[in-house]
Amino acid sequence: MTGRRLVDRDRGSFTAELAAGLPALLLLLLAGLTAVGAVTTKGQCVDAAREAALAASRGAPGMSAGAAVAPRGAVVSVAVQGDRVVATVRAPVRALGAGLPRLTVSATAVAAVEPGAPEPAP
């Protein structure tokens, strides 16, 4: 009978451990998926900033070129500083989970104004 009592003491311990650990595991999963989304959005912002800077340095409208490549909800800004064009793209990252804070990623690209090109257009 002593062997039977030992087995009965451990009954339900797995369920209790699962109930205690599952919320932490879920939070880690949501944070990991949000991080993957942030890295993807950062890559899209880098591409959009590069396109905007190159287009503006050639005399084309840089903001529209960047907006065509930028992720949804991104803000594209182009500034001409002497013989350089600086393009910045900022985009919000959608956090998975209501309790997680909003993130914003940004990227900046610089291009030299090409000789003989028309005046850079933002």
N, C-alpha and C. Protein backbone atom coordinates (compact mmCIF):
# COMPACT_ATOMS: atom_id res chain seq x y z
N MET A 1 0.78 -1.20 0.00
CA MET A 1 0.00 0.00 0.00
C MET A 1 0.83 1.28 0.00
N THR A 2 2.01 1.21 0.47
CA THR A 2 2.83 2.42 0.49
C THR A 2 3.20 2.86 -0.92
N GLY A 3 3.36 1.92 -1.83
CA GLY A 3 3.67 2.27 -3.20
C GLY A 3 2.52 3.01 -3.86
N ARG A 4 1.31 2.65 -3.49
CA ARG A 4 0.12 3.28 -4.07
C ARG A 4 -0.01 4.73 -3.61
N ARG A 5 0.29 5.02 -2.37
CA ARG A 5 0.21 6.39 -1.86
C ARG A 5 1.23 7.30 -2.54
N LEU A 6 2.39 6.77 -2.87
CA LEU A 6 3.43 7.55 -3.53
C LEU A 6 2.98 7.99 -4.93
N VAL A 7 2.29 7.10 -5.63
CA VAL A 7 1.79 7.42 -6.96
C VAL A 7 0.67 8.45 -6.86
N ASP A 8 -0.18 8.35 -5.88
CA ASP A 8 -1.30 9.27 -5.74
C ASP A 8 -0.84 10.70 -5.44
N ARG A 9 0.30 10.87 -4.80
CA ARG A 9 0.78 12.21 -4.47
C ARG A 9 1.17 12.99 -5.73
N ASP A 10 1.61 12.33 -6.75
CA ASP A 10 2.06 13.01 -7.97
C ASP A 10 0.94 13.25 -8.98
N ARG A 11 -0.23 12.77 -8.70
CA ARG A 11 -1.33 12.96 -9.65
C ARG A 11 -1.68 14.44 -9.76
N GLY A 12 -1.80 14.92 -11.00
CA GLY A 12 -2.20 16.29 -11.25
C GLY A 12 -1.06 17.29 -11.25
N SER A 13 0.16 16.85 -10.96
CA SER A 13 1.26 17.81 -10.92
C SER A 13 1.60 18.34 -12.32
N PHE A 14 1.46 17.50 -13.33
CA PHE A 14 1.72 17.98 -14.69
C PHE A 14 0.72 19.04 -15.10
N THR A 15 -0.52 18.86 -14.75
CA THR A 15 -1.56 19.83 -15.08
C THR A 15 -1.29 21.17 -14.39
N ALA A 16 -0.87 21.11 -13.15
CA ALA A 16 -0.58 22.34 -12.42
C ALA A 16 0.63 23.05 -13.02
N GLU A 17 1.67 22.31 -13.38
CA GLU A 17 2.84 22.92 -13.99
C GLU A 17 2.53 23.51 -15.36
N LEU A 18 1.69 22.83 -16.13
CA LEU A 18 1.29 23.34 -17.43
C LEU A 18 0.48 24.62 -17.28
N ALA A 19 -0.42 24.65 -16.33
CA ALA A 19 -1.24 25.84 -16.11
C ALA A 19 -0.39 27.02 -15.66
N ALA A 20 0.67 26.77 -14.93
CA ALA A 20 1.53 27.85 -14.48
C ALA A 20 2.48 28.33 -15.58
N GLY A 21 2.93 27.43 -16.43
CA GLY A 21 3.91 27.79 -17.45
C GLY A 21 3.34 28.22 -18.77
N LEU A 22 2.12 27.89 -19.07
CA LEU A 22 1.52 28.22 -20.36
C LEU A 22 1.42 29.72 -20.63
N PRO A 23 1.01 30.55 -19.68
CA PRO A 23 0.97 31.99 -19.96
C PRO A 23 2.36 32.57 -20.30
N ALA A 24 3.38 32.11 -19.61
CA ALA A 24 4.73 32.60 -19.91
C ALA A 24 5.16 32.15 -21.30
N LEU A 25 4.84 30.94 -21.67
CA LEU A 25 5.17 30.44 -23.00
C LEU A 25 4.42 31.22 -24.07
N LEU A 26 3.17 31.52 -23.83
CA LEU A 26 2.38 32.30 -24.78
C LEU A 26 2.93 33.72 -24.94
N LEU A 27 3.36 34.33 -23.84
CA LEU A 27 3.94 35.66 -23.91
C LEU A 27 5.24 35.65 -24.71
N LEU A 28 6.07 34.64 -24.51
CA LEU A 28 7.30 34.53 -25.29
C LEU A 28 7.01 34.33 -26.77
N LEU A 29 6.00 33.56 -27.09
CA LEU A 29 5.62 33.34 -28.48
C LEU A 29 5.16 34.64 -29.13
N LEU A 30 4.32 35.40 -28.45
CA LEU A 30 3.84 36.67 -29.00
C LEU A 30 4.98 37.68 -29.15
N ALA A 31 5.89 37.72 -28.18
CA ALA A 31 7.03 38.63 -28.29
C ALA A 31 7.94 38.23 -29.45
N GLY A 32 8.13 36.94 -29.64
CA GLY A 32 8.96 36.46 -30.75
C GLY A 32 8.35 36.78 -32.10
N LEU A 33 7.05 36.59 -32.23
CA LEU A 33 6.39 36.91 -33.49
C LEU A 33 6.40 38.41 -33.76
N THR A 34 6.28 39.21 -32.72
CA THR A 34 6.37 40.66 -32.89
C THR A 34 7.78 41.07 -33.32
N ALA A 35 8.79 40.41 -32.78
CA ALA A 35 10.17 40.71 -33.17
C ALA A 35 10.41 40.36 -34.63
N VAL A 36 9.86 39.25 -35.08
CA VAL A 36 10.00 38.88 -36.50
C VAL A 36 9.31 39.92 -37.38
N GLY A 37 8.14 40.38 -36.97
CA GLY A 37 7.44 41.43 -37.72
C GLY A 37 8.23 42.73 -37.75
N ALA A 38 8.90 43.06 -36.64
CA ALA A 38 9.69 44.29 -36.58
C ALA A 38 10.90 44.21 -37.52
N VAL A 39 11.53 43.05 -37.57
CA VAL A 39 12.69 42.90 -38.45
C VAL A 39 12.26 42.97 -39.91
N THR A 40 11.13 42.37 -40.24
CA THR A 40 10.61 42.42 -41.61
C THR A 40 10.26 43.86 -42.00
N THR A 41 9.60 44.58 -41.10
CA THR A 41 9.24 45.96 -41.37
C THR A 41 10.48 46.84 -41.51
N LYS A 42 11.51 46.57 -40.71
CA LYS A 42 12.76 47.33 -40.81
C LYS A 42 13.40 47.13 -42.19
N GLY A 43 13.39 45.90 -42.69
CA GLY A 43 13.93 45.65 -44.02
C GLY A 43 13.17 46.38 -45.10
N GLN A 44 11.84 46.42 -44.98
CA GLN A 44 11.02 47.15 -45.95
C GLN A 44 11.30 48.65 -45.87
N CYS A 45 11.53 49.17 -44.67
CA CYS A 45 11.84 50.59 -44.51
C CYS A 45 13.19 50.93 -45.13
N VAL A 46 14.17 50.03 -44.98
CA VAL A 46 15.49 50.25 -45.60
C VAL A 46 15.35 50.31 -47.11
N ASP A 47 14.59 49.38 -47.69
CA ASP A 47 14.37 49.38 -49.14
C ASP A 47 13.67 50.66 -49.61
N ALA A 48 12.64 51.07 -48.86
CA ALA A 48 11.89 52.27 -49.25
C ALA A 48 12.76 53.53 -49.14
N ALA A 49 13.57 53.63 -48.10
CA ALA A 49 14.44 54.80 -47.95
C ALA A 49 15.48 54.85 -49.07
N ARG A 50 16.01 53.70 -49.43
CA ARG A 50 17.00 53.66 -50.52
C ARG A 50 16.36 54.09 -51.83
N GLU A 51 15.17 53.58 -52.13
CA GLU A 51 14.48 53.95 -53.36
C GLU A 51 14.15 55.44 -53.39
N ALA A 52 13.70 55.97 -52.27
CA ALA A 52 13.35 57.40 -52.20
C ALA A 52 14.58 58.27 -52.40
N ALA A 53 15.69 57.92 -51.77
CA ALA A 53 16.92 58.72 -51.90
C ALA A 53 17.46 58.66 -53.33
N LEU A 54 17.46 57.48 -53.93
CA LEU A 54 17.96 57.37 -55.31
C LEU A 54 17.08 58.12 -56.29
N ALA A 55 15.77 58.00 -56.13
CA ALA A 55 14.86 58.70 -57.05
C ALA A 55 15.03 60.21 -56.92
N ALA A 56 15.10 60.71 -55.69
CA ALA A 56 15.23 62.15 -55.49
C ALA A 56 16.58 62.65 -55.99
N SER A 57 17.63 61.85 -55.87
CA SER A 57 18.95 62.29 -56.34
C SER A 57 19.01 62.37 -57.86
N ARG A 58 18.11 61.70 -58.54
CA ARG A 58 18.05 61.74 -60.00
C ARG A 58 17.06 62.78 -60.51
N GLY A 59 16.38 63.47 -59.60
CA GLY A 59 15.44 64.50 -59.99
C GLY A 59 13.99 64.04 -60.03
N ALA A 60 13.72 62.79 -59.74
CA ALA A 60 12.35 62.27 -59.71
C ALA A 60 11.75 62.53 -58.32
N PRO A 61 10.43 62.46 -58.21
CA PRO A 61 9.82 62.64 -56.88
C PRO A 61 10.16 61.48 -55.95
N GLY A 62 10.96 61.75 -54.94
CA GLY A 62 11.44 60.71 -54.04
C GLY A 62 10.38 60.18 -53.10
N MET A 63 9.48 61.04 -52.63
CA MET A 63 8.48 60.59 -51.67
C MET A 63 7.54 59.56 -52.29
N SER A 64 7.15 59.78 -53.54
CA SER A 64 6.24 58.81 -54.17
C SER A 64 6.97 57.51 -54.48
N ALA A 65 8.27 57.59 -54.83
CA ALA A 65 9.03 56.36 -55.09
C ALA A 65 9.20 55.56 -53.81
N GLY A 66 9.45 56.24 -52.71
CA GLY A 66 9.58 55.55 -51.43
C GLY A 66 8.27 55.00 -50.93
N ALA A 67 7.19 55.75 -51.13
CA ALA A 67 5.88 55.29 -50.66
C ALA A 67 5.40 54.06 -51.41
N ALA A 68 5.85 53.89 -52.65
CA ALA A 68 5.45 52.72 -53.42
C ALA A 68 6.06 51.44 -52.86
N VAL A 69 7.20 51.54 -52.19
CA VAL A 69 7.89 50.37 -51.66
C VAL A 69 7.69 50.22 -50.16
N ALA A 70 7.32 51.30 -49.49
CA ALA A 70 7.22 51.31 -48.03
C ALA A 70 6.09 50.42 -47.52
N PRO A 71 6.22 49.92 -46.29
CA PRO A 71 5.14 49.13 -45.70
C PRO A 71 3.92 50.00 -45.40
N ARG A 72 2.80 49.37 -45.16
CA ARG A 72 1.55 50.08 -44.90
C ARG A 72 1.68 50.94 -43.64
N GLY A 73 1.23 52.17 -43.73
CA GLY A 73 1.25 53.08 -42.60
C GLY A 73 2.57 53.82 -42.42
N ALA A 74 3.48 53.67 -43.35
CA ALA A 74 4.79 54.31 -43.23
C ALA A 74 4.73 55.77 -43.62
N VAL A 75 5.61 56.55 -43.04
CA VAL A 75 5.76 57.97 -43.36
C VAL A 75 7.12 58.15 -44.01
N VAL A 76 7.11 58.69 -45.23
CA VAL A 76 8.35 58.89 -45.99
C VAL A 76 8.65 60.38 -46.02
N SER A 77 9.89 60.74 -45.69
CA SER A 77 10.30 62.14 -45.78
C SER A 77 11.63 62.20 -46.52
N VAL A 78 11.75 63.22 -47.38
CA VAL A 78 12.96 63.42 -48.18
C VAL A 78 13.42 64.86 -47.97
N ALA A 79 14.70 65.02 -47.69
CA ALA A 79 15.28 66.35 -47.49
C ALA A 79 16.54 66.49 -48.34
N VAL A 80 16.72 67.66 -48.94
CA VAL A 80 17.92 67.94 -49.73
C VAL A 80 18.84 68.77 -48.85
N GLN A 81 20.07 68.29 -48.65
CA GLN A 81 21.05 68.98 -47.82
C GLN A 81 22.30 69.21 -48.66
N GLY A 82 22.33 70.32 -49.36
CA GLY A 82 23.47 70.63 -50.21
C GLY A 82 23.53 69.71 -51.42
N ASP A 83 24.58 68.91 -51.49
CA ASP A 83 24.71 67.98 -52.62
C ASP A 83 24.31 66.56 -52.25
N ARG A 84 23.54 66.43 -51.16
CA ARG A 84 23.07 65.12 -50.73
C ARG A 84 21.57 65.12 -50.54
N VAL A 85 20.98 63.94 -50.73
CA VAL A 85 19.56 63.74 -50.47
C VAL A 85 19.45 62.74 -49.33
N VAL A 86 18.68 63.07 -48.31
CA VAL A 86 18.48 62.20 -47.16
C VAL A 86 17.01 61.79 -47.12
N ALA A 87 16.78 60.50 -47.17
CA ALA A 87 15.41 59.97 -47.11
C ALA A 87 15.24 59.17 -45.82
N THR A 88 14.15 59.41 -45.13
CA THR A 88 13.84 58.70 -43.89
C THR A 88 12.45 58.09 -44.00
N VAL A 89 12.34 56.84 -43.58
CA VAL A 89 11.06 56.14 -43.59
C VAL A 89 10.81 55.63 -42.18
N ARG A 90 9.63 55.94 -41.63
CA ARG A 90 9.21 55.46 -40.31
C ARG A 90 7.92 54.67 -40.49
N ALA A 91 7.87 53.50 -39.84
CA ALA A 91 6.67 52.66 -39.96
C ALA A 91 6.34 52.03 -38.62
N PRO A 92 5.05 51.94 -38.30
CA PRO A 92 4.66 51.28 -37.06
C PRO A 92 4.71 49.76 -37.24
N VAL A 93 5.00 49.08 -36.14
CA VAL A 93 5.01 47.61 -36.13
C VAL A 93 3.80 47.17 -35.33
N ARG A 94 3.02 46.30 -35.94
CA ARG A 94 1.83 45.80 -35.25
C ARG A 94 2.25 44.75 -34.23
N ALA A 95 2.03 45.04 -32.96
CA ALA A 95 2.39 44.11 -31.90
C ALA A 95 1.29 43.05 -31.77
N LEU A 96 1.71 41.81 -31.65
CA LEU A 96 0.76 40.72 -31.46
C LEU A 96 0.48 40.61 -29.97
N GLY A 97 -0.69 40.96 -29.58
CA GLY A 97 -1.05 40.97 -28.17
C GLY A 97 -1.44 42.37 -27.76
N ALA A 98 -2.51 42.47 -27.04
CA ALA A 98 -3.03 43.79 -26.67
C ALA A 98 -2.16 44.50 -25.64
N GLY A 99 -1.47 43.74 -24.80
CA GLY A 99 -0.70 44.36 -23.73
C GLY A 99 0.69 44.79 -24.13
N LEU A 100 1.13 44.44 -25.32
CA LEU A 100 2.49 44.79 -25.73
C LEU A 100 2.51 46.22 -26.28
N PRO A 101 3.61 46.95 -26.05
CA PRO A 101 3.67 48.34 -26.51
C PRO A 101 3.84 48.43 -28.03
N ARG A 102 3.42 49.56 -28.60
CA ARG A 102 3.59 49.81 -30.03
C ARG A 102 5.06 50.11 -30.30
N LEU A 103 5.53 49.61 -31.40
CA LEU A 103 6.90 49.85 -31.81
C LEU A 103 6.89 50.64 -33.11
N THR A 104 7.92 51.45 -33.31
CA THR A 104 8.11 52.15 -34.57
C THR A 104 9.54 51.92 -35.01
N VAL A 105 9.70 51.49 -36.24
CA VAL A 105 11.04 51.30 -36.80
C VAL A 105 11.27 52.38 -37.85
N SER A 106 12.54 52.73 -38.04
CA SER A 106 12.86 53.74 -39.05
C SER A 106 14.15 53.36 -39.76
N ALA A 107 14.30 53.92 -40.93
CA ALA A 107 15.51 53.70 -41.72
C ALA A 107 15.83 54.99 -42.47
N THR A 108 17.10 55.24 -42.65
CA THR A 108 17.55 56.44 -43.35
C THR A 108 18.54 56.04 -44.43
N ALA A 109 18.43 56.69 -45.58
CA ALA A 109 19.35 56.46 -46.69
C ALA A 109 19.81 57.81 -47.21
N VAL A 110 21.07 57.86 -47.63
CA VAL A 110 21.67 59.09 -48.16
C VAL A 110 22.19 58.79 -49.55
N ALA A 111 21.93 59.70 -50.49
CA ALA A 111 22.44 59.55 -51.85
C ALA A 111 22.98 60.90 -52.32
N ALA A 112 24.04 60.85 -53.10
CA ALA A 112 24.61 62.07 -53.66
C ALA A 112 23.80 62.51 -54.88
N VAL A 113 23.61 63.81 -55.01
CA VAL A 113 22.89 64.34 -56.16
C VAL A 113 23.73 64.07 -57.41
N GLU A 114 23.12 63.48 -58.41
CA GLU A 114 23.85 63.14 -59.61
C GLU A 114 24.11 64.39 -60.45
N PRO A 115 25.33 64.52 -60.99
CA PRO A 115 25.64 65.69 -61.82
C PRO A 115 24.81 65.70 -63.08
N GLY A 116 24.33 66.84 -63.45
CA GLY A 116 23.53 66.98 -64.66
C GLY A 116 22.07 66.61 -64.48
N ALA A 117 21.70 66.11 -63.33
CA ALA A 117 20.30 65.77 -63.08
C ALA A 117 19.54 67.03 -62.71
N PRO A 118 18.23 67.04 -62.95
CA PRO A 118 17.45 68.20 -62.52
C PRO A 118 17.50 68.36 -61.00
N GLU A 119 17.06 69.50 -60.53
CA GLU A 119 17.06 69.77 -59.09
C GLU A 119 16.33 68.65 -58.36
N PRO A 120 16.92 68.11 -57.26
CA PRO A 120 16.25 67.03 -56.55
C PRO A 120 14.88 67.44 -56.06
N ALA A 121 13.94 66.52 -56.24
CA ALA A 121 12.57 66.78 -55.82
C ALA A 121 12.24 65.90 -54.64
N PRO A 122 11.69 66.48 -53.60
CA PRO A 122 11.28 65.66 -52.45
C PRO A 122 10.10 64.85 -52.79
